All heavy atoms as atom14 arrays in JSON, in Angstrom:
{
  "sequence": "AWVEVARTSAMREGYAKITRLSNGDRVAIFLMDGKLSAISNACAH",
  "atom14_mask": [
    [1, 1, 1, 1, 1, 0, 0, 0, 0, 0, 0, 0, 0, 0],
    [1, 1, 1, 1, 1, 1, 1, 1, 1, 1, 1, 1, 1, 1],
    [1, 1, 1, 1, 1, 1, 1, 0, 0, 0, 0, 0, 0, 0],
    [1, 1, 1, 1, 1, 1, 1, 1, 1, 0, 0, 0, 0, 0],
    [1, 1, 1, 1, 1, 1, 1, 0, 0, 0, 0, 0, 0, 0],
    [1, 1, 1, 1, 1, 0, 0, 0, 0, 0, 0, 0, 0, 0],
    [1, 1, 1, 1, 1, 1, 1, 1, 1, 1, 1, 0, 0, 0],
    [1, 1, 1, 1, 1, 1, 1, 0, 0, 0, 0, 0, 0, 0],
    [1, 1, 1, 1, 1, 1, 0, 0, 0, 0, 0, 0, 0, 0],
    [1, 1, 1, 1, 1, 0, 0, 0, 0, 0, 0, 0, 0, 0],
    [1, 1, 1, 1, 1, 1, 1, 1, 0, 0, 0, 0, 0, 0],
    [1, 1, 1, 1, 1, 1, 1, 1, 1, 1, 1, 0, 0, 0],
    [1, 1, 1, 1, 1, 1, 1, 1, 1, 0, 0, 0, 0, 0],
    [1, 1, 1, 1, 0, 0, 0, 0, 0, 0, 0, 0, 0, 0],
    [1, 1, 1, 1, 1, 1, 1, 1, 1, 1, 1, 1, 0, 0],
    [1, 1, 1, 1, 1, 0, 0, 0, 0, 0, 0, 0, 0, 0],
    [1, 1, 1, 1, 1, 1, 1, 1, 1, 0, 0, 0, 0, 0],
    [1, 1, 1, 1, 1, 1, 1, 1, 0, 0, 0, 0, 0, 0],
    [1, 1, 1, 1, 1, 1, 1, 0, 0, 0, 0, 0, 0, 0],
    [1, 1, 1, 1, 1, 1, 1, 1, 1, 1, 1, 0, 0, 0],
    [1, 1, 1, 1, 1, 1, 1, 1, 0, 0, 0, 0, 0, 0],
    [1, 1, 1, 1, 1, 1, 0, 0, 0, 0, 0, 0, 0, 0],
    [1, 1, 1, 1, 1, 1, 1, 1, 0, 0, 0, 0, 0, 0],
    [1, 1, 1, 1, 0, 0, 0, 0, 0, 0, 0, 0, 0, 0],
    [1, 1, 1, 1, 1, 1, 1, 1, 0, 0, 0, 0, 0, 0],
    [1, 1, 1, 1, 1, 1, 1, 1, 1, 1, 1, 0, 0, 0],
    [1, 1, 1, 1, 1, 1, 1, 0, 0, 0, 0, 0, 0, 0],
    [1, 1, 1, 1, 1, 0, 0, 0, 0, 0, 0, 0, 0, 0],
    [1, 1, 1, 1, 1, 1, 1, 1, 0, 0, 0, 0, 0, 0],
    [1, 1, 1, 1, 1, 1, 1, 1, 1, 1, 1, 0, 0, 0],
    [1, 1, 1, 1, 1, 1, 1, 1, 0, 0, 0, 0, 0, 0],
    [1, 1, 1, 1, 1, 1, 1, 1, 0, 0, 0, 0, 0, 0],
    [1, 1, 1, 1, 1, 1, 1, 1, 0, 0, 0, 0, 0, 0],
    [1, 1, 1, 1, 0, 0, 0, 0, 0, 0, 0, 0, 0, 0],
    [1, 1, 1, 1, 1, 1, 1, 1, 1, 0, 0, 0, 0, 0],
    [1, 1, 1, 1, 1, 1, 1, 1, 0, 0, 0, 0, 0, 0],
    [1, 1, 1, 1, 1, 1, 0, 0, 0, 0, 0, 0, 0, 0],
    [1, 1, 1, 1, 1, 0, 0, 0, 0, 0, 0, 0, 0, 0],
    [1, 1, 1, 1, 1, 1, 1, 1, 0, 0, 0, 0, 0, 0],
    [1, 1, 1, 1, 1, 1, 0, 0, 0, 0, 0, 0, 0, 0],
    [1, 1, 1, 1, 1, 1, 1, 1, 0, 0, 0, 0, 0, 0],
    [1, 1, 1, 1, 1, 0, 0, 0, 0, 0, 0, 0, 0, 0],
    [1, 1, 1, 1, 1, 1, 0, 0, 0, 0, 0, 0, 0, 0],
    [1, 1, 1, 1, 1, 0, 0, 0, 0, 0, 0, 0, 0, 0],
    [1, 1, 1, 1, 1, 1, 1, 1, 1, 1, 0, 0, 0, 0]
  ],
  "atom14_positions": [
    [[-12.89, -1.21, 23.59], [-13.1, -1.98, 24.82], [-11.93, -2.94, 25.03], [-11.41, -3.51, 24.08], [-14.41, -2.74, 24.74], [0.0, 0.0, 0.0], [0.0, 0.0, 0.0], [0.0, 0.0, 0.0], [0.0, 0.0, 0.0], [0.0, 0.0, 0.0], [0.0, 0.0, 0.0], [0.0, 0.0, 0.0], [0.0, 0.0, 0.0], [0.0, 0.0, 0.0]],
    [[-11.54, -3.09, 26.27], [-10.47, -4.03, 26.57], [-10.91, -5.45, 26.24], [-12.08, -5.81, 26.41], [-10.1, -3.94, 28.05], [-9.36, -2.69, 28.4], [-9.89, -1.46, 28.67], [-7.95, -2.53, 28.47], [-8.91, -0.55, 28.92], [-7.68, -1.18, 28.8], [-6.86, -3.39, 28.28], [-6.4, -0.68, 28.96], [-5.58, -2.89, 28.45], [-5.34, -1.56, 28.77]],
    [[-9.98, -6.25, 25.76], [-10.27, -7.61, 25.3], [-9.63, -8.62, 26.25], [-8.44, -8.53, 26.56], [-9.71, -7.82, 23.88], [-9.91, -9.26, 23.43], [-10.37, -6.86, 22.9], [0.0, 0.0, 0.0], [0.0, 0.0, 0.0], [0.0, 0.0, 0.0], [0.0, 0.0, 0.0], [0.0, 0.0, 0.0], [0.0, 0.0, 0.0], [0.0, 0.0, 0.0]],
    [[-10.43, -9.56, 26.72], [-9.9, -10.62, 27.58], [-9.08, -11.59, 26.74], [-9.52, -12.02, 25.67], [-11.04, -11.35, 28.28], [-11.78, -10.5, 29.3], [-12.82, -11.28, 30.05], [-13.16, -12.41, 29.6], [-13.33, -10.79, 31.09], [0.0, 0.0, 0.0], [0.0, 0.0, 0.0], [0.0, 0.0, 0.0], [0.0, 0.0, 0.0], [0.0, 0.0, 0.0]],
    [[-7.9, -11.93, 27.24], [-6.98, -12.8, 26.49], [-6.92, -14.19, 27.11], [-7.2, -15.2, 26.45], [-5.57, -12.18, 26.45], [-4.6, -13.12, 25.73], [-5.6, -10.82, 25.78], [0.0, 0.0, 0.0], [0.0, 0.0, 0.0], [0.0, 0.0, 0.0], [0.0, 0.0, 0.0], [0.0, 0.0, 0.0], [0.0, 0.0, 0.0], [0.0, 0.0, 0.0]],
    [[-6.53, -14.26, 28.36], [-6.39, -15.56, 29.04], [-6.24, -15.31, 30.52], [-5.95, -14.19, 30.97], [-5.18, -16.31, 28.51], [0.0, 0.0, 0.0], [0.0, 0.0, 0.0], [0.0, 0.0, 0.0], [0.0, 0.0, 0.0], [0.0, 0.0, 0.0], [0.0, 0.0, 0.0], [0.0, 0.0, 0.0], [0.0, 0.0, 0.0], [0.0, 0.0, 0.0]],
    [[-6.45, -16.34, 31.3], [-6.22, -16.23, 32.74], [-4.71, -16.21, 33.01], [-3.93, -16.77, 32.24], [-6.89, -17.39, 33.49], [-8.41, -17.39, 33.32], [-9.07, -18.31, 34.32], [-10.52, -18.28, 34.14], [-11.32, -17.32, 34.66], [-10.79, -16.34, 35.36], [-12.62, -17.36, 34.45], [0.0, 0.0, 0.0], [0.0, 0.0, 0.0], [0.0, 0.0, 0.0]],
    [[-4.34, -15.57, 34.08], [-2.92, -15.44, 34.39], [-2.26, -16.81, 34.55], [-1.09, -16.98, 34.21], [-2.74, -14.63, 35.69], [-3.52, -15.24, 36.75], [-3.19, -13.18, 35.49], [0.0, 0.0, 0.0], [0.0, 0.0, 0.0], [0.0, 0.0, 0.0], [0.0, 0.0, 0.0], [0.0, 0.0, 0.0], [0.0, 0.0, 0.0], [0.0, 0.0, 0.0]],
    [[-3.01, -17.79, 35.03], [-2.44, -19.13, 35.23], [-2.11, -19.8, 33.9], [-1.34, -20.76, 33.86], [-3.41, -20.0, 36.02], [-4.66, -20.1, 35.34], [0.0, 0.0, 0.0], [0.0, 0.0, 0.0], [0.0, 0.0, 0.0], [0.0, 0.0, 0.0], [0.0, 0.0, 0.0], [0.0, 0.0, 0.0], [0.0, 0.0, 0.0], [0.0, 0.0, 0.0]],
    [[-2.7, -19.31, 32.8], [-2.45, -19.92, 31.48], [-1.23, -19.34, 30.79], [-0.79, -19.89, 29.77], [-3.68, -19.75, 30.59], [0.0, 0.0, 0.0], [0.0, 0.0, 0.0], [0.0, 0.0, 0.0], [0.0, 0.0, 0.0], [0.0, 0.0, 0.0], [0.0, 0.0, 0.0], [0.0, 0.0, 0.0], [0.0, 0.0, 0.0], [0.0, 0.0, 0.0]],
    [[-0.69, -18.24, 31.29], [0.48, -17.62, 30.66], [1.74, -18.41, 31.01], [1.93, -18.82, 32.15], [0.62, -16.18, 31.11], [-0.58, -15.28, 30.79], [-0.94, -15.13, 29.03], [0.55, -14.33, 28.43], [0.0, 0.0, 0.0], [0.0, 0.0, 0.0], [0.0, 0.0, 0.0], [0.0, 0.0, 0.0], [0.0, 0.0, 0.0], [0.0, 0.0, 0.0]],
    [[2.61, -18.62, 30.01], [3.87, -19.35, 30.2], [5.04, -18.41, 30.01], [5.07, -17.62, 29.06], [3.98, -20.5, 29.21], [2.98, -21.62, 29.41], [3.14, -22.64, 28.28], [4.48, -23.18, 28.2], [4.98, -23.79, 27.13], [4.24, -23.92, 26.04], [6.22, -24.26, 27.15], [0.0, 0.0, 0.0], [0.0, 0.0, 0.0], [0.0, 0.0, 0.0]],
    [[5.99, -18.48, 30.9], [7.18, -17.64, 30.8], [7.91, -17.9, 29.49], [8.22, -19.03, 29.13], [8.11, -17.93, 31.99], [9.4, -17.15, 31.99], [9.19, -15.66, 32.22], [8.23, -15.28, 32.93], [10.0, -14.87, 31.69], [0.0, 0.0, 0.0], [0.0, 0.0, 0.0], [0.0, 0.0, 0.0], [0.0, 0.0, 0.0], [0.0, 0.0, 0.0]],
    [[8.17, -16.8, 28.76], [8.91, -16.9, 27.5], [8.06, -17.2, 26.3], [8.59, -17.33, 25.19], [0.0, 0.0, 0.0], [0.0, 0.0, 0.0], [0.0, 0.0, 0.0], [0.0, 0.0, 0.0], [0.0, 0.0, 0.0], [0.0, 0.0, 0.0], [0.0, 0.0, 0.0], [0.0, 0.0, 0.0], [0.0, 0.0, 0.0], [0.0, 0.0, 0.0]],
    [[6.74, -17.29, 26.48], [5.84, -17.61, 25.36], [4.7, -16.6, 25.32], [4.57, -15.73, 26.18], [5.29, -19.03, 25.5], [6.34, -20.1, 25.29], [7.1, -20.57, 26.35], [6.57, -20.63, 24.02], [8.07, -21.54, 26.16], [7.52, -21.61, 23.82], [8.28, -22.06, 24.9], [9.24, -23.02, 24.71], [0.0, 0.0, 0.0], [0.0, 0.0, 0.0]],
    [[3.85, -16.74, 24.28], [2.77, -15.78, 24.08], [1.43, -16.46, 23.99], [1.33, -17.64, 23.65], [3.01, -14.97, 22.8], [0.0, 0.0, 0.0], [0.0, 0.0, 0.0], [0.0, 0.0, 0.0], [0.0, 0.0, 0.0], [0.0, 0.0, 0.0], [0.0, 0.0, 0.0], [0.0, 0.0, 0.0], [0.0, 0.0, 0.0], [0.0, 0.0, 0.0]],
    [[0.38, -15.69, 24.26], [-0.98, -16.04, 23.94], [-1.42, -15.12, 22.81], [-1.16, -13.92, 22.85], [-1.91, -15.86, 25.15], [-1.74, -16.9, 26.23], [-2.26, -18.26, 25.78], [-2.14, -19.3, 26.89], [-2.62, -20.62, 26.44], [0.0, 0.0, 0.0], [0.0, 0.0, 0.0], [0.0, 0.0, 0.0], [0.0, 0.0, 0.0], [0.0, 0.0, 0.0]],
    [[-2.1, -15.68, 21.81], [-2.52, -14.9, 20.65], [-4.03, -14.74, 20.67], [-4.76, -15.71, 20.9], [-2.09, -15.59, 19.34], [-0.58, -15.8, 19.31], [-2.53, -14.78, 18.13], [-0.1, -16.67, 18.17], [0.0, 0.0, 0.0], [0.0, 0.0, 0.0], [0.0, 0.0, 0.0], [0.0, 0.0, 0.0], [0.0, 0.0, 0.0], [0.0, 0.0, 0.0]],
    [[-4.49, -13.51, 20.47], [-5.92, -13.25, 20.4], [-6.23, -12.44, 19.15], [-5.37, -11.7, 18.65], [-6.41, -12.49, 21.66], [-7.84, -12.48, 21.66], [-5.89, -11.07, 21.69], [0.0, 0.0, 0.0], [0.0, 0.0, 0.0], [0.0, 0.0, 0.0], [0.0, 0.0, 0.0], [0.0, 0.0, 0.0], [0.0, 0.0, 0.0], [0.0, 0.0, 0.0]],
    [[-7.44, -12.59, 18.64], [-7.86, -11.87, 17.44], [-8.87, -10.8, 17.83], [-9.85, -11.06, 18.53], [-8.47, -12.83, 16.41], [-8.83, -12.16, 15.09], [-8.82, -13.17, 13.96], [-9.83, -14.2, 14.13], [-11.0, -14.21, 13.47], [-11.29, -13.24, 12.63], [-11.85, -15.19, 13.64], [0.0, 0.0, 0.0], [0.0, 0.0, 0.0], [0.0, 0.0, 0.0]],
    [[-8.66, -9.58, 17.36], [-9.51, -8.45, 17.67], [-10.69, -8.4, 16.71], [-10.75, -9.12, 15.71], [-8.7, -7.15, 17.6], [-7.43, -7.12, 18.46], [-6.68, -5.82, 18.24], [-7.78, -7.3, 19.93], [0.0, 0.0, 0.0], [0.0, 0.0, 0.0], [0.0, 0.0, 0.0], [0.0, 0.0, 0.0], [0.0, 0.0, 0.0], [0.0, 0.0, 0.0]],
    [[-11.63, -7.5, 17.01], [-12.84, -7.4, 16.19], [-12.54, -6.95, 14.77], [-13.3, -7.23, 13.84], [-13.84, -6.44, 16.84], [-13.25, -5.16, 17.0], [0.0, 0.0, 0.0], [0.0, 0.0, 0.0], [0.0, 0.0, 0.0], [0.0, 0.0, 0.0], [0.0, 0.0, 0.0], [0.0, 0.0, 0.0], [0.0, 0.0, 0.0], [0.0, 0.0, 0.0]],
    [[-11.41, -6.23, 14.57], [-11.05, -5.78, 13.21], [-10.24, -6.82, 12.44], [-9.8, -6.57, 11.32], [-10.26, -4.47, 13.28], [-8.96, -4.6, 14.05], [-8.61, -5.69, 14.51], [-8.25, -3.5, 14.2], [0.0, 0.0, 0.0], [0.0, 0.0, 0.0], [0.0, 0.0, 0.0], [0.0, 0.0, 0.0], [0.0, 0.0, 0.0], [0.0, 0.0, 0.0]],
    [[-10.03, -7.99, 13.05], [-9.3, -9.07, 12.38], [-7.84, -9.14, 12.7], [-7.17, -10.12, 12.38], [0.0, 0.0, 0.0], [0.0, 0.0, 0.0], [0.0, 0.0, 0.0], [0.0, 0.0, 0.0], [0.0, 0.0, 0.0], [0.0, 0.0, 0.0], [0.0, 0.0, 0.0], [0.0, 0.0, 0.0], [0.0, 0.0, 0.0], [0.0, 0.0, 0.0]],
    [[-7.28, -8.06, 13.3], [-5.86, -8.08, 13.65], [-5.61, -9.07, 14.79], [-6.45, -9.25, 15.68], [-5.4, -6.68, 14.09], [-5.4, -5.68, 12.95], [-5.4, -6.14, 11.78], [-5.43, -4.47, 13.21], [0.0, 0.0, 0.0], [0.0, 0.0, 0.0], [0.0, 0.0, 0.0], [0.0, 0.0, 0.0], [0.0, 0.0, 0.0], [0.0, 0.0, 0.0]],
    [[-4.43, -9.66, 14.77], [-4.03, -10.58, 15.84], [-2.95, -9.94, 16.7], [-2.04, -9.28, 16.18], [-3.53, -11.91, 15.25], [-4.66, -12.82, 14.79], [-4.12, -14.12, 14.2], [-5.16, -15.13, 14.06], [-6.03, -15.2, 13.07], [-5.97, -14.3, 12.1], [-6.94, -16.14, 13.03], [0.0, 0.0, 0.0], [0.0, 0.0, 0.0], [0.0, 0.0, 0.0]],
    [[-3.05, -10.15, 17.99], [-2.12, -9.58, 18.96], [-1.47, -10.72, 19.73], [-2.15, -11.68, 20.13], [-2.82, -8.61, 19.93], [-1.82, -8.02, 20.92], [-3.53, -7.51, 19.16], [0.0, 0.0, 0.0], [0.0, 0.0, 0.0], [0.0, 0.0, 0.0], [0.0, 0.0, 0.0], [0.0, 0.0, 0.0], [0.0, 0.0, 0.0], [0.0, 0.0, 0.0]],
    [[-0.15, -10.62, 19.94], [0.59, -11.61, 20.72], [0.96, -10.99, 22.06], [1.64, -9.95, 22.1], [1.84, -12.06, 19.97], [0.0, 0.0, 0.0], [0.0, 0.0, 0.0], [0.0, 0.0, 0.0], [0.0, 0.0, 0.0], [0.0, 0.0, 0.0], [0.0, 0.0, 0.0], [0.0, 0.0, 0.0], [0.0, 0.0, 0.0], [0.0, 0.0, 0.0]],
    [[0.51, -11.6, 23.16], [0.79, -11.1, 24.51], [1.82, -12.02, 25.15], [1.55, -13.21, 25.37], [-0.5, -11.04, 25.37], [-1.53, -10.11, 24.71], [-0.16, -10.55, 26.78], [-2.43, -10.78, 23.73], [0.0, 0.0, 0.0], [0.0, 0.0, 0.0], [0.0, 0.0, 0.0], [0.0, 0.0, 0.0], [0.0, 0.0, 0.0], [0.0, 0.0, 0.0]],
    [[3.0, -11.49, 25.42], [4.13, -12.29, 25.92], [4.3, -12.12, 27.42], [4.06, -11.03, 27.97], [5.43, -11.87, 25.22], [5.49, -12.23, 23.76], [5.01, -11.35, 22.8], [6.03, -13.43, 23.34], [5.06, -11.67, 21.46], [6.09, -13.76, 21.99], [5.6, -12.87, 21.06], [0.0, 0.0, 0.0], [0.0, 0.0, 0.0], [0.0, 0.0, 0.0]],
    [[4.76, -13.18, 28.07], [5.17, -13.13, 29.46], [6.69, -13.26, 29.5], [7.24, -14.29, 29.11], [4.53, -14.26, 30.27], [4.93, -14.35, 31.75], [4.57, -13.07, 32.49], [4.28, -15.56, 32.42], [0.0, 0.0, 0.0], [0.0, 0.0, 0.0], [0.0, 0.0, 0.0], [0.0, 0.0, 0.0], [0.0, 0.0, 0.0], [0.0, 0.0, 0.0]],
    [[7.35, -12.19, 29.94], [8.82, -12.16, 29.94], [9.3, -11.66, 31.29], [8.93, -10.56, 31.72], [9.33, -11.23, 28.83], [10.84, -11.06, 28.82], [11.35, -9.67, 27.77], [10.66, -8.29, 28.69], [0.0, 0.0, 0.0], [0.0, 0.0, 0.0], [0.0, 0.0, 0.0], [0.0, 0.0, 0.0], [0.0, 0.0, 0.0], [0.0, 0.0, 0.0]],
    [[10.09, -12.48, 31.98], [10.61, -12.12, 33.3], [9.49, -11.7, 34.25], [9.61, -10.74, 35.03], [11.64, -10.99, 33.19], [12.87, -11.41, 32.4], [13.18, -12.62, 32.39], [13.51, -10.53, 31.78], [0.0, 0.0, 0.0], [0.0, 0.0, 0.0], [0.0, 0.0, 0.0], [0.0, 0.0, 0.0], [0.0, 0.0, 0.0], [0.0, 0.0, 0.0]],
    [[8.37, -12.4, 34.17], [7.26, -12.12, 35.06], [6.46, -10.89, 34.7], [5.62, -10.44, 35.48], [0.0, 0.0, 0.0], [0.0, 0.0, 0.0], [0.0, 0.0, 0.0], [0.0, 0.0, 0.0], [0.0, 0.0, 0.0], [0.0, 0.0, 0.0], [0.0, 0.0, 0.0], [0.0, 0.0, 0.0], [0.0, 0.0, 0.0], [0.0, 0.0, 0.0]],
    [[6.68, -10.32, 33.49], [5.97, -9.12, 33.07], [5.34, -9.35, 31.69], [5.85, -10.13, 30.88], [6.91, -7.92, 33.01], [7.51, -7.56, 34.38], [8.46, -6.38, 34.27], [9.05, -6.02, 35.62], [9.98, -4.86, 35.52], [0.0, 0.0, 0.0], [0.0, 0.0, 0.0], [0.0, 0.0, 0.0], [0.0, 0.0, 0.0], [0.0, 0.0, 0.0]],
    [[4.24, -8.64, 31.43], [3.46, -8.82, 30.21], [3.71, -7.68, 29.23], [3.75, -6.5, 29.61], [1.97, -8.88, 30.54], [1.52, -10.06, 31.42], [0.12, -9.8, 31.95], [1.56, -11.36, 30.63], [0.0, 0.0, 0.0], [0.0, 0.0, 0.0], [0.0, 0.0, 0.0], [0.0, 0.0, 0.0], [0.0, 0.0, 0.0], [0.0, 0.0, 0.0]],
    [[3.88, -8.04, 27.95], [4.01, -7.07, 26.86], [3.24, -7.61, 25.67], [3.1, -8.82, 25.49], [5.48, -6.85, 26.48], [6.2, -6.26, 27.55], [0.0, 0.0, 0.0], [0.0, 0.0, 0.0], [0.0, 0.0, 0.0], [0.0, 0.0, 0.0], [0.0, 0.0, 0.0], [0.0, 0.0, 0.0], [0.0, 0.0, 0.0], [0.0, 0.0, 0.0]],
    [[2.75, -6.69, 24.82], [1.95, -7.11, 23.67], [2.39, -6.38, 22.42], [2.6, -5.16, 22.43], [0.46, -6.85, 23.93], [0.0, 0.0, 0.0], [0.0, 0.0, 0.0], [0.0, 0.0, 0.0], [0.0, 0.0, 0.0], [0.0, 0.0, 0.0], [0.0, 0.0, 0.0], [0.0, 0.0, 0.0], [0.0, 0.0, 0.0], [0.0, 0.0, 0.0]],
    [[2.54, -7.13, 21.33], [2.87, -6.58, 20.03], [1.99, -7.23, 18.97], [1.31, -8.22, 19.25], [4.36, -6.8, 19.65], [4.67, -8.3, 19.59], [5.29, -6.09, 20.63], [6.09, -8.61, 19.11], [0.0, 0.0, 0.0], [0.0, 0.0, 0.0], [0.0, 0.0, 0.0], [0.0, 0.0, 0.0], [0.0, 0.0, 0.0], [0.0, 0.0, 0.0]],
    [[1.99, -6.66, 17.77], [1.26, -7.28, 16.67], [1.81, -8.67, 16.41], [3.02, -8.91, 16.52], [1.39, -6.42, 15.41], [0.92, -7.12, 14.28], [0.0, 0.0, 0.0], [0.0, 0.0, 0.0], [0.0, 0.0, 0.0], [0.0, 0.0, 0.0], [0.0, 0.0, 0.0], [0.0, 0.0, 0.0], [0.0, 0.0, 0.0], [0.0, 0.0, 0.0]],
    [[0.93, -9.59, 16.06], [1.37, -10.95, 15.76], [1.96, -11.07, 14.37], [2.52, -12.11, 14.02], [0.17, -11.91, 15.89], [0.58, -13.36, 15.83], [1.46, -13.81, 16.56], [-0.04, -14.12, 14.93], [0.0, 0.0, 0.0], [0.0, 0.0, 0.0], [0.0, 0.0, 0.0], [0.0, 0.0, 0.0], [0.0, 0.0, 0.0], [0.0, 0.0, 0.0]],
    [[1.85, -10.02, 13.54], [2.3, -10.08, 12.14], [3.68, -9.48, 12.0], [3.89, -8.27, 12.21], [1.31, -9.34, 11.23], [0.0, 0.0, 0.0], [0.0, 0.0, 0.0], [0.0, 0.0, 0.0], [0.0, 0.0, 0.0], [0.0, 0.0, 0.0], [0.0, 0.0, 0.0], [0.0, 0.0, 0.0], [0.0, 0.0, 0.0], [0.0, 0.0, 0.0]],
    [[4.65, -10.3, 11.61], [6.02, -9.84, 11.37], [6.01, -8.84, 10.2], [5.28, -9.02, 9.21], [6.91, -11.03, 11.04], [8.61, -10.61, 10.6], [0.0, 0.0, 0.0], [0.0, 0.0, 0.0], [0.0, 0.0, 0.0], [0.0, 0.0, 0.0], [0.0, 0.0, 0.0], [0.0, 0.0, 0.0], [0.0, 0.0, 0.0], [0.0, 0.0, 0.0]],
    [[6.83, -7.8, 10.31], [6.9, -6.79, 9.25], [7.54, -7.32, 7.98], [7.46, -6.68, 6.93], [7.68, -5.56, 9.76], [0.0, 0.0, 0.0], [0.0, 0.0, 0.0], [0.0, 0.0, 0.0], [0.0, 0.0, 0.0], [0.0, 0.0, 0.0], [0.0, 0.0, 0.0], [0.0, 0.0, 0.0], [0.0, 0.0, 0.0], [0.0, 0.0, 0.0]],
    [[8.17, -8.49, 8.05], [8.84, -9.05, 6.88], [7.83, -9.7, 5.94], [7.61, -9.23, 4.82], [9.89, -10.08, 7.33], [10.58, -10.78, 6.22], [10.87, -12.12, 6.26], [11.02, -10.34, 5.03], [11.48, -12.47, 5.14], [11.59, -11.41, 4.37], [0.0, 0.0, 0.0], [0.0, 0.0, 0.0], [0.0, 0.0, 0.0], [0.0, 0.0, 0.0]]
  ]
}
């Protein structure tokens, strides 16, 4: 099921909102140049 993250008004250009999924994983949703992208919040390092 799709997960609600935040309202569009809460997104900041160049920054992310972090949400935690039901399996415990965290996702970072970034606003970049007026567009949204999402990656895992956990660095591979």
